[in-house]
Amino acid sequence: MRTSVALSLLVAAATGVAAQNPLPTAAAVTNNPVGLVAEAVLPGNIKGKVVAKSGEGGVGVQFNVELSSIPEGGPFTYHIHVNPVPENGNCSATGAHLDPTERGETPVCDKSKPETCQVGDLAGKYGAIPEGKTTFSANYIDKYASLVEGTGAYFLNRSIVFHYPNKTRIACANFKITNVGSAPHPSESGGEDHTGTVTQTISSAAPIGTNPAQTTGGAPSPSGTMPVTAGASFSTSSMTGVVAALLGGAMMLML
């Protein structure tokens, strides 16, 4: 009885912790270069390639996986890893999964909530290679992978790795760009990620008096008029009054 009560309390506590600490979510990428294409050609135990290209309008990345000569066993998982494959082809040197949100491998990826999975966990989000298959093909769009260099989810300087069920690495390859794309039109970018764009908010032809550099200092303004010391204020009517007062004083002295 005491054991069952203790287990119930542990489950409740674990549930409460999970509720208080939800998994981080990856942001959808909406500004991938339109028309960019890259591919990773597998040279090892599994033959084939993984092609990655920008989604329509720069939204997400479309992956096309075409494989053959898959060994017996399975299911086989595959992921984008943080490091490229070195020249000696050592798949162990590719490091961990691409995971810019740092959510970790546990709990396992929930396919119904791909934004909460590791960005590089393609098999977790879209399905592993089934057991008993010697060929495999898949086509899907991942909204969270990036083709924008310098962002955390960027993967074209990384690798893709295939695993046996026991997580041993069986094959790997680097991504290489085969077609350079172009930046999406601003109306197609959507979202809030404006990496690589600059918005000019101050006009270079601002009227005199709106730019502090034109109202203070000793250099003539672009219009050719002399600058006015900060805090001083002169107008045509005030200057006329001063001149009139001086003339009046001069007349009084003459009389």
C-alpha atoms as a PDB file:
ATOM      1  CA  MET A   1       0.000   0.000   0.000  1.00  0.00           C
ATOM      2  CA  ARG A   2       2.755   2.392   0.973  1.00  0.00           C
ATOM      3  CA  THR A   3       4.666   1.528  -2.234  1.00  0.00           C
ATOM      4  CA  SER A   4       1.666   2.326  -4.438  1.00  0.00           C
ATOM      5  CA  VAL A   5       1.104   5.621  -2.634  1.00  0.00           C
ATOM      6  CA  ALA A   6       4.772   6.547  -3.039  1.00  0.00           C
ATOM      7  CA  LEU A   7       4.659   5.733  -6.753  1.00  0.00           C
ATOM      8  CA  SER A   8       1.536   7.828  -7.176  1.00  0.00           C
ATOM      9  CA  LEU A   9       3.228  10.752  -5.498  1.00  0.00           C
ATOM     10  CA  LEU A  10       6.310  10.379  -7.717  1.00  0.00           C
ATOM     11  CA  VAL A  11       4.175  10.294 -10.881  1.00  0.00           C
ATOM     12  CA  ALA A  12       2.243  13.348  -9.730  1.00  0.00           C
ATOM     13  CA  ALA A  13       5.460  15.190  -8.939  1.00  0.00           C
ATOM     14  CA  ALA A  14       6.959  14.305 -12.313  1.00  0.00           C
ATOM     15  CA  THR A  15       3.809  15.447 -14.082  1.00  0.00           C
ATOM     16  CA  GLY A  16       3.883  18.710 -12.183  1.00  0.00           C
ATOM     17  CA  VAL A  17       7.517  19.333 -13.088  1.00  0.00           C
ATOM     18  CA  ALA A  18       6.821  18.598 -16.752  1.00  0.00           C
ATOM     19  CA  ALA A  19       3.899  21.009 -16.710  1.00  0.00           C
ATOM     20  CA  GLN A  20       6.042  23.722 -15.140  1.00  0.00           C
ATOM     21  CA  ASN A  21       8.960  23.159 -17.541  1.00  0.00           C
ATOM     22  CA  PRO A  22       7.528  22.724 -21.040  1.00  0.00           C
ATOM     23  CA  LEU A  23       9.859  21.790 -23.878  1.00  0.00           C
ATOM     24  CA  PRO A  24      11.377  24.715 -25.793  1.00  0.00           C
ATOM     25  CA  THR A  25       9.950  25.334 -29.241  1.00  0.00           C
ATOM     26  CA  ALA A  26      11.810  26.008 -32.472  1.00  0.00           C
ATOM     27  CA  ALA A  27      10.791  29.039 -34.524  1.00  0.00           C
ATOM     28  CA  ALA A  28       9.497  28.534 -38.051  1.00  0.00           C
ATOM     29  CA  VAL A  29      11.934  29.842 -40.687  1.00  0.00           C
ATOM     30  CA  THR A  30      10.278  32.073 -43.282  1.00  0.00           C
ATOM     31  CA  ASN A  31      13.205  33.810 -45.012  1.00  0.00           C
ATOM     32  CA  ASN A  32      15.171  30.982 -46.627  1.00  0.00           C
ATOM     33  CA  PRO A  33      16.821  31.973 -49.933  1.00  0.00           C
ATOM     34  CA  VAL A  34      14.361  31.115 -52.691  1.00  0.00           C
ATOM     35  CA  GLY A  35      15.710  28.514 -55.116  1.00  0.00           C
ATOM     36  CA  LEU A  36      18.657  27.385 -52.997  1.00  0.00           C
ATOM     37  CA  VAL A  37      19.379  23.655 -53.356  1.00  0.00           C
ATOM     38  CA  ALA A  38      21.886  21.471 -51.503  1.00  0.00           C
ATOM     39  CA  GLU A  39      22.468  17.752 -51.361  1.00  0.00           C
ATOM     40  CA  ALA A  40      24.295  15.173 -49.270  1.00  0.00           C
ATOM     41  CA  VAL A  41      25.479  12.136 -51.261  1.00  0.00           C
ATOM     42  CA  LEU A  42      26.087   9.019 -49.174  1.00  0.00           C
ATOM     43  CA  PRO A  43      29.323   7.197 -50.059  1.00  0.00           C
ATOM     44  CA  GLY A  44      29.143   4.339 -47.563  1.00  0.00           C
ATOM     45  CA  ASN A  45      27.049   1.349 -46.518  1.00  0.00           C
ATOM     46  CA  ILE A  46      23.808   3.046 -47.535  1.00  0.00           C
ATOM     47  CA  LYS A  47      23.683   4.486 -51.033  1.00  0.00           C
ATOM     48  CA  GLY A  48      21.625   7.466 -52.107  1.00  0.00           C
ATOM     49  CA  LYS A  49      21.302  11.127 -51.244  1.00  0.00           C
ATOM     50  CA  VAL A  50      19.333  13.688 -49.285  1.00  0.00           C
ATOM     51  CA  VAL A  51      18.356  16.815 -51.221  1.00  0.00           C
ATOM     52  CA  ALA A  52      17.391  19.965 -49.343  1.00  0.00           C
ATOM     53  CA  LYS A  53      15.857  22.995 -51.018  1.00  0.00           C
ATOM     54  CA  SER A  54      14.048  26.096 -49.909  1.00  0.00           C
ATOM     55  CA  GLY A  55      10.318  25.747 -49.385  1.00  0.00           C
ATOM     56  CA  GLU A  56       7.865  27.800 -51.387  1.00  0.00           C
ATOM     57  CA  GLY A  57       8.350  31.497 -50.750  1.00  0.00           C
ATOM     58  CA  GLY A  58      11.335  30.755 -48.514  1.00  0.00           C
ATOM     59  CA  VAL A  59       9.222  29.032 -45.858  1.00  0.00           C
ATOM     60  CA  GLY A  60      10.987  26.020 -44.358  1.00  0.00           C
ATOM     61  CA  VAL A  61      13.091  23.423 -46.164  1.00  0.00           C
ATOM     62  CA  GLN A  62      11.856  20.646 -48.431  1.00  0.00           C
ATOM     63  CA  PHE A  63      13.760  17.393 -47.929  1.00  0.00           C
ATOM     64  CA  ASN A  64      13.853  14.606 -50.517  1.00  0.00           C
ATOM     65  CA  VAL A  65      15.383  11.346 -49.287  1.00  0.00           C
ATOM     66  CA  GLU A  66      16.225   8.586 -51.799  1.00  0.00           C
ATOM     67  CA  LEU A  67      18.111   5.536 -50.486  1.00  0.00           C
ATOM     68  CA  SER A  68      19.076   2.048 -51.616  1.00  0.00           C
ATOM     69  CA  SER A  69      21.315  -0.811 -50.422  1.00  0.00           C
ATOM     70  CA  ILE A  70      19.915  -0.485 -46.921  1.00  0.00           C
ATOM     71  CA  PRO A  71      21.301  -3.319 -44.747  1.00  0.00           C
ATOM     72  CA  GLU A  72      19.171  -5.835 -42.922  1.00  0.00           C
ATOM     73  CA  GLY A  73      17.601  -4.872 -39.654  1.00  0.00           C
ATOM     74  CA  GLY A  74      16.061  -1.587 -38.682  1.00  0.00           C
ATOM     75  CA  PRO A  75      14.343   0.611 -38.077  1.00  0.00           C
ATOM     76  CA  PHE A  76      17.107   3.070 -38.962  1.00  0.00           C
ATOM     77  CA  THR A  77      17.035   6.653 -37.735  1.00  0.00           C
ATOM     78  CA  TYR A  78      18.756   9.653 -39.278  1.00  0.00           C
ATOM     79  CA  HIS A  79      19.526  13.176 -38.126  1.00  0.00           C
ATOM     80  CA  ILE A  80      21.347  16.370 -39.022  1.00  0.00           C
ATOM     81  CA  HIS A  81      24.496  16.529 -36.866  1.00  0.00           C
ATOM     82  CA  VAL A  82      26.330  19.667 -35.776  1.00  0.00           C
ATOM     83  CA  ASN A  83      29.746  18.895 -37.307  1.00  0.00           C
ATOM     84  CA  PRO A  84      30.684  18.054 -40.892  1.00  0.00           C
ATOM     85  CA  VAL A  85      32.166  14.693 -41.827  1.00  0.00           C
ATOM     86  CA  PRO A  86      35.982  14.936 -41.826  1.00  0.00           C
ATOM     87  CA  GLU A  87      38.056  13.914 -44.828  1.00  0.00           C
ATOM     88  CA  ASN A  88      38.661  10.458 -43.362  1.00  0.00           C
ATOM     89  CA  GLY A  89      34.905   9.778 -43.381  1.00  0.00           C
ATOM     90  CA  ASN A  90      34.630   9.166 -39.631  1.00  0.00           C
ATOM     91  CA  CYS A  91      30.918   9.513 -38.798  1.00  0.00           C
ATOM     92  CA  SER A  92      31.710   9.576 -35.068  1.00  0.00           C
ATOM     93  CA  ALA A  93      33.345  12.984 -35.531  1.00  0.00           C
ATOM     94  CA  THR A  94      30.060  14.614 -36.555  1.00  0.00           C
ATOM     95  CA  GLY A  95      29.087  15.325 -32.959  1.00  0.00           C
ATOM     96  CA  ALA A  96      25.563  15.489 -31.595  1.00  0.00           C
ATOM     97  CA  HIS A  97      22.234  16.273 -33.237  1.00  0.00           C
ATOM     98  CA  LEU A  98      21.560  19.818 -34.403  1.00  0.00           C
ATOM     99  CA  ASP A  99      19.658  21.233 -31.441  1.00  0.00           C
ATOM    100  CA  PRO A 100      19.683  25.066 -31.272  1.00  0.00           C
ATOM    101  CA  THR A 101      16.897  25.102 -28.654  1.00  0.00           C
ATOM    102  CA  GLU A 102      18.901  22.730 -26.428  1.00  0.00           C
ATOM    103  CA  ARG A 103      15.897  20.505 -25.687  1.00  0.00           C
ATOM    104  CA  GLY A 104      17.988  17.316 -25.629  1.00  0.00           C
ATOM    105  CA  GLU A 105      17.112  13.827 -26.864  1.00  0.00           C
ATOM    106  CA  THR A 106      14.702  13.034 -24.021  1.00  0.00           C
ATOM    107  CA  PRO A 107      11.809  12.866 -23.965  1.00  0.00           C
ATOM    108  CA  VAL A 108      11.553  11.362 -27.434  1.00  0.00           C
ATOM    109  CA  CYS A 109      10.244  13.536 -30.249  1.00  0.00           C
ATOM    110  CA  ASP A 110       6.457  13.853 -30.497  1.00  0.00           C
ATOM    111  CA  LYS A 111       5.561  13.849 -34.215  1.00  0.00           C
ATOM    112  CA  SER A 112       2.376  15.795 -33.520  1.00  0.00           C
ATOM    113  CA  LYS A 113       4.461  18.650 -32.101  1.00  0.00           C
ATOM    114  CA  PRO A 114       7.518  18.908 -34.393  1.00  0.00           C
ATOM    115  CA  GLU A 115       8.329  22.391 -33.117  1.00  0.00           C
ATOM    116  CA  THR A 116       9.241  20.811 -29.745  1.00  0.00           C
ATOM    117  CA  CYS A 117      11.665  18.298 -31.292  1.00  0.00           C
ATOM    118  CA  GLN A 118      15.342  18.780 -32.010  1.00  0.00           C
ATOM    119  CA  VAL A 119      15.694  20.664 -35.298  1.00  0.00           C
ATOM    120  CA  GLY A 120      18.024  17.957 -36.614  1.00  0.00           C
ATOM    121  CA  ASP A 121      15.820  15.006 -35.615  1.00  0.00           C
ATOM    122  CA  LEU A 122      14.335  14.378 -39.061  1.00  0.00           C
ATOM    123  CA  ALA A 123      13.514  10.720 -38.376  1.00  0.00           C
ATOM    124  CA  GLY A 124      11.786  11.638 -35.117  1.00  0.00           C
ATOM    125  CA  LYS A 125       9.605  14.247 -36.817  1.00  0.00           C
ATOM    126  CA  TYR A 126       8.885  12.496 -40.128  1.00  0.00           C
ATOM    127  CA  GLY A 127       9.536   8.793 -39.583  1.00  0.00           C
ATOM    128  CA  ALA A 128      12.482   6.403 -39.445  1.00  0.00           C
ATOM    129  CA  ILE A 129      13.440   3.945 -42.182  1.00  0.00           C
ATOM    130  CA  PRO A 130      11.197   0.911 -41.520  1.00  0.00           C
ATOM    131  CA  GLU A 131      12.600  -2.481 -40.639  1.00  0.00           C
ATOM    132  CA  GLY A 132      13.152  -4.875 -43.544  1.00  0.00           C
ATOM    133  CA  LYS A 133      13.361  -2.193 -46.252  1.00  0.00           C
ATOM    134  CA  THR A 134      16.217  -2.250 -48.762  1.00  0.00           C
ATOM    135  CA  THR A 135      15.090   1.004 -50.405  1.00  0.00           C
ATOM    136  CA  PHE A 136      13.514   4.086 -48.894  1.00  0.00           C
ATOM    137  CA  SER A 137      12.152   7.413 -50.108  1.00  0.00           C
ATOM    138  CA  ALA A 138      10.577  10.330 -48.281  1.00  0.00           C
ATOM    139  CA  ASN A 139       9.524  13.848 -49.176  1.00  0.00           C
ATOM    140  CA  TYR A 140       8.504  16.437 -46.599  1.00  0.00           C
ATOM    141  CA  ILE A 141       8.862  20.088 -45.584  1.00  0.00           C
ATOM    142  CA  ASP A 142      10.469  20.963 -42.281  1.00  0.00           C
ATOM    143  CA  LYS A 143       9.530  24.476 -41.151  1.00  0.00           C
ATOM    144  CA  TYR A 144      12.313  24.738 -38.590  1.00  0.00           C
ATOM    145  CA  ALA A 145      15.478  24.054 -40.620  1.00  0.00           C
ATOM    146  CA  SER A 146      17.324  27.090 -41.940  1.00  0.00           C
ATOM    147  CA  LEU A 147      19.254  27.879 -45.110  1.00  0.00           C
ATOM    148  CA  VAL A 148      20.173  31.329 -43.740  1.00  0.00           C
ATOM    149  CA  GLU A 149      23.858  31.309 -42.825  1.00  0.00           C
ATOM    150  CA  GLY A 150      24.594  32.461 -39.298  1.00  0.00           C
ATOM    151  CA  THR A 151      21.330  31.256 -37.733  1.00  0.00           C
ATOM    152  CA  GLY A 152      21.213  28.480 -35.150  1.00  0.00           C
ATOM    153  CA  ALA A 153      19.189  26.138 -37.342  1.00  0.00           C
ATOM    154  CA  TYR A 154      21.478  26.577 -40.386  1.00  0.00           C
ATOM    155  CA  PHE A 155      22.750  23.167 -41.536  1.00  0.00           C
ATOM    156  CA  LEU A 156      24.557  23.503 -44.876  1.00  0.00           C
ATOM    157  CA  ASN A 157      27.897  23.481 -43.054  1.00  0.00           C
ATOM    158  CA  ARG A 158      26.882  20.320 -41.185  1.00  0.00           C
ATOM    159  CA  SER A 159      26.174  16.656 -41.978  1.00  0.00           C
ATOM    160  CA  ILE A 160      23.461  14.031 -42.072  1.00  0.00           C
ATOM    161  CA  VAL A 161      24.015  10.743 -40.253  1.00  0.00           C
ATOM    162  CA  PHE A 162      22.182   7.382 -40.406  1.00  0.00           C
ATOM    163  CA  HIS A 163      22.059   5.061 -37.395  1.00  0.00           C
ATOM    164  CA  TYR A 164      21.474   1.399 -36.590  1.00  0.00           C
ATOM    165  CA  PRO A 165      18.754   0.739 -33.983  1.00  0.00           C
ATOM    166  CA  ASN A 166      21.450   0.685 -31.279  1.00  0.00           C
ATOM    167  CA  LYS A 167      22.502   4.231 -32.369  1.00  0.00           C
ATOM    168  CA  THR A 168      25.735   3.052 -34.014  1.00  0.00           C
ATOM    169  CA  ARG A 169      26.480   5.329 -36.966  1.00  0.00           C
ATOM    170  CA  ILE A 170      26.284   3.496 -40.258  1.00  0.00           C
ATOM    171  CA  ALA A 171      26.609   6.191 -42.936  1.00  0.00           C
ATOM    172  CA  CYS A 172      27.114   9.953 -43.147  1.00  0.00           C
ATOM    173  CA  ALA A 173      27.628  12.761 -45.661  1.00  0.00           C
ATOM    174  CA  ASN A 174      28.080  16.524 -45.824  1.00  0.00           C
ATOM    175  CA  PHE A 175      25.650  18.940 -47.431  1.00  0.00           C
ATOM    176  CA  LYS A 176      26.955  20.796 -50.486  1.00  0.00           C
ATOM    177  CA  ILE A 177      25.177  23.647 -52.269  1.00  0.00           C
ATOM    178  CA  THR A 178      24.314  22.782 -55.877  1.00  0.00           C
ATOM    179  CA  ASN A 179      22.230  25.843 -56.714  1.00  0.00           C
ATOM    180  CA  VAL A 180      22.516  29.256 -55.085  1.00  0.00           C
ATOM    181  CA  GLY A 181      19.178  30.895 -54.361  1.00  0.00           C
ATOM    182  CA  SER A 182      18.127  34.498 -53.899  1.00  0.00           C
ATOM    183  CA  ALA A 183      16.667  36.351 -50.931  1.00  0.00           C
ATOM    184  CA  PRO A 184      12.864  36.101 -50.714  1.00  0.00           C
ATOM    185  CA  HIS A 185      10.759  39.132 -51.578  1.00  0.00           C
ATOM    186  CA  PRO A 186       9.845  41.080 -48.405  1.00  0.00           C
ATOM    187  CA  SER A 187       6.183  40.221 -48.902  1.00  0.00           C
ATOM    188  CA  GLU A 188       7.095  36.523 -48.890  1.00  0.00           C
ATOM    189  CA  SER A 189       9.269  36.504 -45.805  1.00  0.00           C
ATOM    190  CA  GLY A 190       6.457  36.638 -43.231  1.00  0.00           C
ATOM    191  CA  GLY A 191       7.215  35.977 -39.567  1.00  0.00           C
ATOM    192  CA  GLU A 192       9.486  38.045 -37.391  1.00  0.00           C
ATOM    193  CA  ASP A 193      12.936  36.862 -38.436  1.00  0.00           C
ATOM    194  CA  HIS A 194      14.404  39.670 -40.525  1.00  0.00           C
ATOM    195  CA  THR A 195      17.987  38.416 -40.612  1.00  0.00           C
ATOM    196  CA  GLY A 196      19.964  40.135 -43.324  1.00  0.00           C
ATOM    197  CA  THR A 197      17.589  43.063 -43.834  1.00  0.00           C
ATOM    198  CA  VAL A 198      18.149  46.678 -42.848  1.00  0.00           C
ATOM    199  CA  THR A 199      15.385  49.230 -42.600  1.00  0.00           C
ATOM    200  CA  GLN A 200      16.312  52.899 -43.087  1.00  0.00           C
ATOM    201  CA  THR A 201      14.189  54.949 -40.700  1.00  0.00           C
ATOM    202  CA  ILE A 202      15.884  58.374 -41.004  1.00  0.00           C
ATOM    203  CA  SER A 203      15.704  60.246 -44.287  1.00  0.00           C
ATOM    204  CA  SER A 204      19.011  61.636 -45.544  1.00  0.00           C
ATOM    205  CA  ALA A 205      17.132  64.713 -46.757  1.00  0.00           C
ATOM    206  CA  ALA A 206      15.696  65.711 -43.388  1.00  0.00           C
ATOM    207  CA  PRO A 207      14.685  69.425 -43.195  1.00  0.00           C
ATOM    208  CA  ILE A 208      17.049  71.806 -41.450  1.00  0.00           C
ATOM    209  CA  GLY A 209      16.153  71.917 -37.783  1.00  0.00           C
ATOM    210  CA  THR A 210      15.136  68.248 -37.518  1.00  0.00           C
ATOM    211  CA  ASN A 211      18.691  66.938 -37.337  1.00  0.00           C
ATOM    212  CA  PRO A 212      20.647  68.021 -34.217  1.00  0.00           C
ATOM    213  CA  ALA A 213      23.854  68.099 -36.248  1.00  0.00           C
ATOM    214  CA  GLN A 214      22.334  70.873 -38.359  1.00  0.00           C
ATOM    215  CA  THR A 215      21.168  73.058 -35.477  1.00  0.00           C
ATOM    216  CA  THR A 216      24.236  72.923 -33.223  1.00  0.00           C
ATOM    217  CA  GLY A 217      27.920  73.450 -33.918  1.00  0.00           C
ATOM    218  CA  GLY A 218      29.815  76.003 -35.952  1.00  0.00           C
ATOM    219  CA  ALA A 219      29.745  74.660 -39.527  1.00  0.00           C
ATOM    220  CA  PRO A 220      27.388  76.156 -42.115  1.00  0.00           C
ATOM    221  CA  SER A 221      24.269  74.122 -42.786  1.00  0.00           C
ATOM    222  CA  PRO A 222      23.744  72.432 -46.181  1.00  0.00           C
ATOM    223  CA  SER A 223      21.424  75.279 -47.209  1.00  0.00           C
ATOM    224  CA  GLY A 224      24.270  77.808 -46.897  1.00  0.00           C
ATOM    225  CA  THR A 225      22.779  79.668 -43.918  1.00  0.00           C
ATOM    226  CA  MET A 226      24.776  80.234 -40.777  1.00  0.00           C
ATOM    227  CA  PRO A 227      24.027  77.939 -37.863  1.00  0.00           C
ATOM    228  CA  VAL A 228      22.067  79.039 -34.863  1.00  0.00           C
ATOM    229  CA  THR A 229      23.427  78.430 -31.380  1.00  0.00           C
ATOM    230  CA  ALA A 230      21.361  75.860 -29.510  1.00  0.00           C
ATOM    231  CA  GLY A 231      18.729  77.578 -27.362  1.00  0.00           C
ATOM    232  CA  ALA A 232      18.747  80.908 -29.306  1.00  0.00           C
ATOM    233  CA  SER A 233      15.657  81.964 -31.204  1.00  0.00           C
ATOM    234  CA  PHE A 234      15.447  84.766 -33.810  1.00  0.00           C
ATOM    235  CA  SER A 235      12.679  85.764 -36.152  1.00  0.00           C
ATOM    236  CA  THR A 236      12.138  88.525 -38.745  1.00  0.00           C
ATOM    237  CA  SER A 237       9.702  90.381 -36.493  1.00  0.00           C
ATOM    238  CA  SER A 238      12.096  90.367 -33.504  1.00  0.00           C
ATOM    239  CA  MET A 239      14.984  91.677 -35.655  1.00  0.00           C
ATOM    240  CA  THR A 240      12.728  94.461 -37.009  1.00  0.00           C
ATOM    241  CA  GLY A 241      11.881  95.486 -33.447  1.00  0.00           C
ATOM    242  CA  VAL A 242      15.554  95.652 -32.475  1.00  0.00           C
ATOM    243  CA  VAL A 243      16.428  97.807 -35.502  1.00  0.00           C
ATOM    244  CA  ALA A 244      13.508 100.153 -34.771  1.00  0.00           C
ATOM    245  CA  ALA A 245      14.600 100.572 -31.164  1.00  0.00           C
ATOM    246  CA  LEU A 246      18.170 101.431 -32.187  1.00  0.00           C
ATOM    247  CA  LEU A 247      16.967 104.003 -34.711  1.00  0.00           C
ATOM    248  CA  GLY A 248      14.682 105.526 -32.113  1.00  0.00           C
ATOM    249  CA  GLY A 249      17.562 105.858 -29.663  1.00  0.00           C
ATOM    250  CA  ALA A 250      19.774 107.470 -32.290  1.00  0.00           C
ATOM    251  CA  MET A 251      17.062 110.043 -33.104  1.00  0.00           C
ATOM    252  CA  MET A 252      16.734 110.975 -29.410  1.00  0.00           C
ATOM    253  CA  LEU A 253      20.494 111.603 -29.151  1.00  0.00           C
ATOM    254  CA  MET A 254      20.422 113.812 -32.229  1.00  0.00           C
ATOM    255  CA  LEU A 255      17.629 115.896 -30.714  1.00  0.00           C
END
